[in-house]
């Protein structure tokens, strides 16, 4: 799972978080739409598996998948500067 070095950089508010069964703060996710796609950083988590990203707000596991490097290079290349490597 790709993550950013500091998820706080991507949020505007202090959100309360609950332990999540799948995604963690800072995870980078891919969401496809009919007219394009987006890359989002997880900035809030809930125990039911839902989460909030910096790009599209609230979402559930069934709507996304983990982003890979190629997704990021295509849809949000500036994010490459913020990825945890190694």
N, C-alpha and C. Protein backbone atom coordinates (compact mmCIF):
# COMPACT_ATOMS: atom_id res chain seq x y z
N UNK A 1 0.85 -1.19 0.00
CA UNK A 1 0.00 0.00 0.00
C UNK A 1 0.89 1.24 0.00
N UNK A 2 0.67 2.11 -0.97
CA UNK A 2 1.41 3.38 -0.99
C UNK A 2 0.82 4.33 0.03
N UNK A 3 1.69 5.08 0.69
CA UNK A 3 1.27 6.07 1.67
C UNK A 3 2.07 7.35 1.48
N UNK A 4 1.51 8.46 1.99
CA UNK A 4 2.23 9.73 2.00
C UNK A 4 3.00 9.84 3.32
N UNK A 5 4.03 10.67 3.31
CA UNK A 5 4.86 10.83 4.51
C UNK A 5 4.13 11.58 5.62
N UNK A 6 3.22 12.48 5.26
CA UNK A 6 2.51 13.27 6.27
C UNK A 6 1.08 13.54 5.81
N UNK A 7 0.14 12.73 6.27
CA UNK A 7 -1.25 12.90 5.84
C UNK A 7 -1.85 14.21 6.32
N UNK A 8 -1.29 14.80 7.37
CA UNK A 8 -1.81 16.09 7.89
C UNK A 8 -1.71 17.20 6.85
N UNK A 9 -0.77 17.08 5.94
CA UNK A 9 -0.60 18.07 4.87
C UNK A 9 -1.83 18.12 3.95
N UNK A 10 -2.62 17.05 3.93
CA UNK A 10 -3.73 16.93 2.99
C UNK A 10 -5.10 17.19 3.61
N UNK A 11 -5.14 17.52 4.88
CA UNK A 11 -6.43 17.77 5.52
C UNK A 11 -6.51 19.21 6.01
N UNK A 12 -7.74 19.70 6.09
CA UNK A 12 -7.98 21.07 6.52
C UNK A 12 -8.49 21.13 7.96
N UNK A 13 -8.91 19.99 8.51
CA UNK A 13 -9.50 19.94 9.83
C UNK A 13 -8.88 18.80 10.63
N UNK A 14 -9.03 18.87 11.94
CA UNK A 14 -8.64 17.77 12.83
C UNK A 14 -9.82 16.82 12.92
N UNK A 15 -9.78 15.72 12.22
CA UNK A 15 -10.86 14.74 12.25
C UNK A 15 -10.63 13.74 13.37
N UNK A 16 -11.72 13.27 13.97
CA UNK A 16 -11.63 12.16 14.91
C UNK A 16 -11.58 10.89 14.08
N UNK A 17 -10.71 9.96 14.46
CA UNK A 17 -10.54 8.72 13.71
C UNK A 17 -10.85 7.52 14.57
N UNK A 18 -11.36 6.49 13.93
CA UNK A 18 -11.61 5.20 14.58
C UNK A 18 -10.73 4.17 13.89
N UNK A 19 -10.34 3.11 14.58
CA UNK A 19 -9.55 2.06 13.93
C UNK A 19 -10.32 1.49 12.73
N UNK A 20 -9.65 1.35 11.62
CA UNK A 20 -10.28 0.87 10.39
C UNK A 20 -9.79 -0.54 10.07
N UNK A 21 -10.68 -1.39 9.55
CA UNK A 21 -10.26 -2.75 9.22
C UNK A 21 -9.36 -2.85 7.99
N UNK A 22 -9.35 -1.84 7.12
CA UNK A 22 -8.59 -1.98 5.88
C UNK A 22 -7.65 -0.81 5.62
N UNK A 23 -8.16 0.39 5.48
CA UNK A 23 -7.32 1.53 5.11
C UNK A 23 -6.91 2.34 6.33
N UNK A 24 -5.71 2.90 6.23
CA UNK A 24 -5.13 3.68 7.33
C UNK A 24 -4.90 5.11 6.87
N UNK A 25 -4.73 6.00 7.83
CA UNK A 25 -4.43 7.39 7.52
C UNK A 25 -3.18 7.46 6.65
N UNK A 26 -3.27 8.24 5.58
CA UNK A 26 -2.14 8.41 4.68
C UNK A 26 -2.10 7.45 3.51
N UNK A 27 -2.97 6.42 3.50
CA UNK A 27 -3.01 5.51 2.36
C UNK A 27 -3.44 6.27 1.10
N UNK A 28 -2.92 5.86 -0.04
CA UNK A 28 -3.23 6.52 -1.31
C UNK A 28 -4.13 5.58 -2.11
N UNK A 29 -5.31 6.09 -2.48
CA UNK A 29 -6.34 5.27 -3.14
C UNK A 29 -6.70 5.81 -4.52
N UNK A 30 -7.22 4.92 -5.35
CA UNK A 30 -7.63 5.22 -6.71
C UNK A 30 -9.13 5.03 -6.82
N UNK A 31 -9.80 6.01 -7.43
CA UNK A 31 -11.25 5.91 -7.66
C UNK A 31 -11.53 6.24 -9.12
N UNK A 32 -12.23 5.34 -9.80
CA UNK A 32 -12.54 5.51 -11.22
C UNK A 32 -13.97 6.04 -11.39
N UNK A 33 -14.12 6.98 -12.30
CA UNK A 33 -15.43 7.52 -12.71
C UNK A 33 -15.58 7.29 -14.20
N UNK A 34 -16.78 7.42 -14.71
CA UNK A 34 -17.00 7.27 -16.15
C UNK A 34 -16.21 8.28 -16.96
N UNK A 35 -16.02 9.47 -16.41
CA UNK A 35 -15.33 10.53 -17.16
C UNK A 35 -13.90 10.79 -16.66
N UNK A 36 -13.33 9.87 -15.92
CA UNK A 36 -11.95 10.05 -15.45
C UNK A 36 -11.72 9.30 -14.15
N UNK A 37 -10.64 9.63 -13.49
CA UNK A 37 -10.29 8.98 -12.24
C UNK A 37 -9.63 9.99 -11.31
N UNK A 38 -9.53 9.62 -10.03
CA UNK A 38 -8.89 10.47 -9.04
C UNK A 38 -8.01 9.65 -8.12
N UNK A 39 -7.04 10.32 -7.56
CA UNK A 39 -6.17 9.75 -6.54
C UNK A 39 -6.44 10.54 -5.27
N UNK A 40 -6.74 9.84 -4.18
CA UNK A 40 -7.02 10.49 -2.91
C UNK A 40 -6.17 9.95 -1.79
N UNK A 41 -5.93 10.80 -0.80
CA UNK A 41 -5.19 10.43 0.39
C UNK A 41 -6.19 10.27 1.54
N UNK A 42 -6.13 9.15 2.25
CA UNK A 42 -7.04 8.90 3.37
C UNK A 42 -6.69 9.86 4.51
N UNK A 43 -7.69 10.66 4.93
CA UNK A 43 -7.47 11.64 6.00
C UNK A 43 -8.38 11.40 7.21
N UNK A 44 -9.29 10.42 7.11
CA UNK A 44 -10.14 10.05 8.24
C UNK A 44 -10.60 8.62 8.05
N UNK A 45 -10.64 7.85 9.16
CA UNK A 45 -11.06 6.46 9.08
C UNK A 45 -12.17 6.18 10.10
N UNK A 46 -12.99 5.15 9.77
CA UNK A 46 -14.09 4.73 10.62
C UNK A 46 -14.02 3.22 10.82
N UNK A 47 -14.53 2.73 11.94
CA UNK A 47 -14.43 1.30 12.23
C UNK A 47 -15.27 0.42 11.31
N UNK A 48 -16.26 1.00 10.61
CA UNK A 48 -17.06 0.20 9.68
C UNK A 48 -16.38 0.05 8.31
N UNK A 49 -15.18 0.62 8.15
CA UNK A 49 -14.44 0.52 6.90
C UNK A 49 -14.57 1.73 6.00
N UNK A 50 -15.51 2.61 6.28
CA UNK A 50 -15.62 3.83 5.49
C UNK A 50 -14.44 4.74 5.83
N UNK A 51 -14.21 5.73 4.96
CA UNK A 51 -13.09 6.65 5.16
C UNK A 51 -13.37 7.94 4.39
N UNK A 52 -12.57 8.95 4.67
CA UNK A 52 -12.65 10.23 3.97
C UNK A 52 -11.30 10.47 3.30
N UNK A 53 -11.34 10.97 2.06
CA UNK A 53 -10.10 11.34 1.39
C UNK A 53 -10.08 12.85 1.16
N UNK A 54 -8.92 13.33 0.79
CA UNK A 54 -8.77 14.76 0.53
C UNK A 54 -9.40 15.16 -0.79
N UNK A 55 -9.69 14.22 -1.69
CA UNK A 55 -10.19 14.59 -3.02
C UNK A 55 -11.69 14.40 -3.21
N UNK A 56 -12.26 13.35 -2.69
CA UNK A 56 -13.69 13.12 -2.96
C UNK A 56 -14.52 12.92 -1.71
N UNK A 57 -14.00 13.16 -0.56
CA UNK A 57 -14.79 13.07 0.66
C UNK A 57 -15.00 11.64 1.11
N UNK A 58 -16.21 11.36 1.61
CA UNK A 58 -16.53 10.05 2.18
C UNK A 58 -16.63 8.99 1.08
N UNK A 59 -16.21 7.77 1.45
CA UNK A 59 -16.23 6.67 0.50
C UNK A 59 -16.23 5.36 1.27
N UNK A 60 -16.47 4.27 0.54
CA UNK A 60 -16.41 2.94 1.16
C UNK A 60 -15.43 2.08 0.36
N UNK A 61 -15.05 0.96 0.94
CA UNK A 61 -14.06 0.07 0.33
C UNK A 61 -14.45 -0.37 -1.08
N UNK A 62 -15.74 -0.57 -1.32
CA UNK A 62 -16.18 -1.08 -2.62
C UNK A 62 -16.02 -0.07 -3.76
N UNK A 63 -15.76 1.18 -3.44
CA UNK A 63 -15.66 2.22 -4.46
C UNK A 63 -14.23 2.50 -4.93
N UNK A 64 -13.24 1.91 -4.27
CA UNK A 64 -11.85 2.26 -4.54
C UNK A 64 -10.96 1.02 -4.56
N UNK A 65 -9.71 1.27 -4.92
CA UNK A 65 -8.67 0.26 -4.77
C UNK A 65 -7.39 1.02 -4.42
N UNK A 66 -6.40 0.32 -3.87
CA UNK A 66 -5.12 1.00 -3.62
C UNK A 66 -4.53 1.53 -4.92
N UNK A 67 -4.00 2.72 -4.88
CA UNK A 67 -3.35 3.30 -6.06
C UNK A 67 -1.97 2.67 -6.23
N UNK A 68 -1.54 2.61 -7.48
CA UNK A 68 -0.16 2.19 -7.74
C UNK A 68 0.61 3.39 -8.33
N UNK A 69 1.90 3.21 -8.51
CA UNK A 69 2.75 4.31 -9.00
C UNK A 69 2.26 4.84 -10.34
N UNK A 70 1.87 3.95 -11.23
CA UNK A 70 1.40 4.40 -12.55
C UNK A 70 0.13 5.24 -12.44
N UNK A 71 -0.79 4.86 -11.54
CA UNK A 71 -2.00 5.66 -11.32
C UNK A 71 -1.63 7.06 -10.88
N UNK A 72 -0.72 7.15 -9.94
CA UNK A 72 -0.32 8.44 -9.40
C UNK A 72 0.36 9.28 -10.46
N UNK A 73 1.26 8.69 -11.23
CA UNK A 73 1.94 9.44 -12.30
C UNK A 73 0.95 9.98 -13.33
N UNK A 74 -0.10 9.23 -13.61
CA UNK A 74 -1.09 9.64 -14.60
C UNK A 74 -2.09 10.66 -14.06
N UNK A 75 -2.62 10.43 -12.86
CA UNK A 75 -3.74 11.21 -12.36
C UNK A 75 -3.38 12.28 -11.33
N UNK A 76 -2.22 12.14 -10.65
CA UNK A 76 -1.84 13.13 -9.64
C UNK A 76 -0.32 13.13 -9.45
N UNK A 77 0.43 13.47 -10.48
CA UNK A 77 1.88 13.33 -10.44
C UNK A 77 2.57 14.13 -9.33
N UNK A 78 2.02 15.25 -8.94
CA UNK A 78 2.65 16.06 -7.88
C UNK A 78 2.73 15.29 -6.56
N UNK A 79 1.84 14.32 -6.37
CA UNK A 79 1.84 13.52 -5.15
C UNK A 79 3.10 12.66 -5.00
N UNK A 80 3.81 12.42 -6.09
CA UNK A 80 5.03 11.61 -6.04
C UNK A 80 6.03 12.19 -5.03
N UNK A 81 6.03 13.51 -4.87
CA UNK A 81 6.95 14.18 -3.92
C UNK A 81 6.66 13.80 -2.48
N UNK A 82 5.43 13.40 -2.19
CA UNK A 82 4.99 13.14 -0.82
C UNK A 82 4.91 11.66 -0.44
N UNK A 83 5.25 10.76 -1.35
CA UNK A 83 5.13 9.33 -1.06
C UNK A 83 6.23 8.84 -0.14
N UNK A 84 5.86 7.91 0.74
CA UNK A 84 6.84 7.18 1.54
C UNK A 84 7.49 6.16 0.61
N UNK A 85 8.77 6.18 0.53
CA UNK A 85 9.48 5.21 -0.29
C UNK A 85 10.33 4.33 0.64
N UNK A 86 10.07 3.02 0.58
CA UNK A 86 10.85 2.08 1.39
C UNK A 86 10.36 1.86 2.72
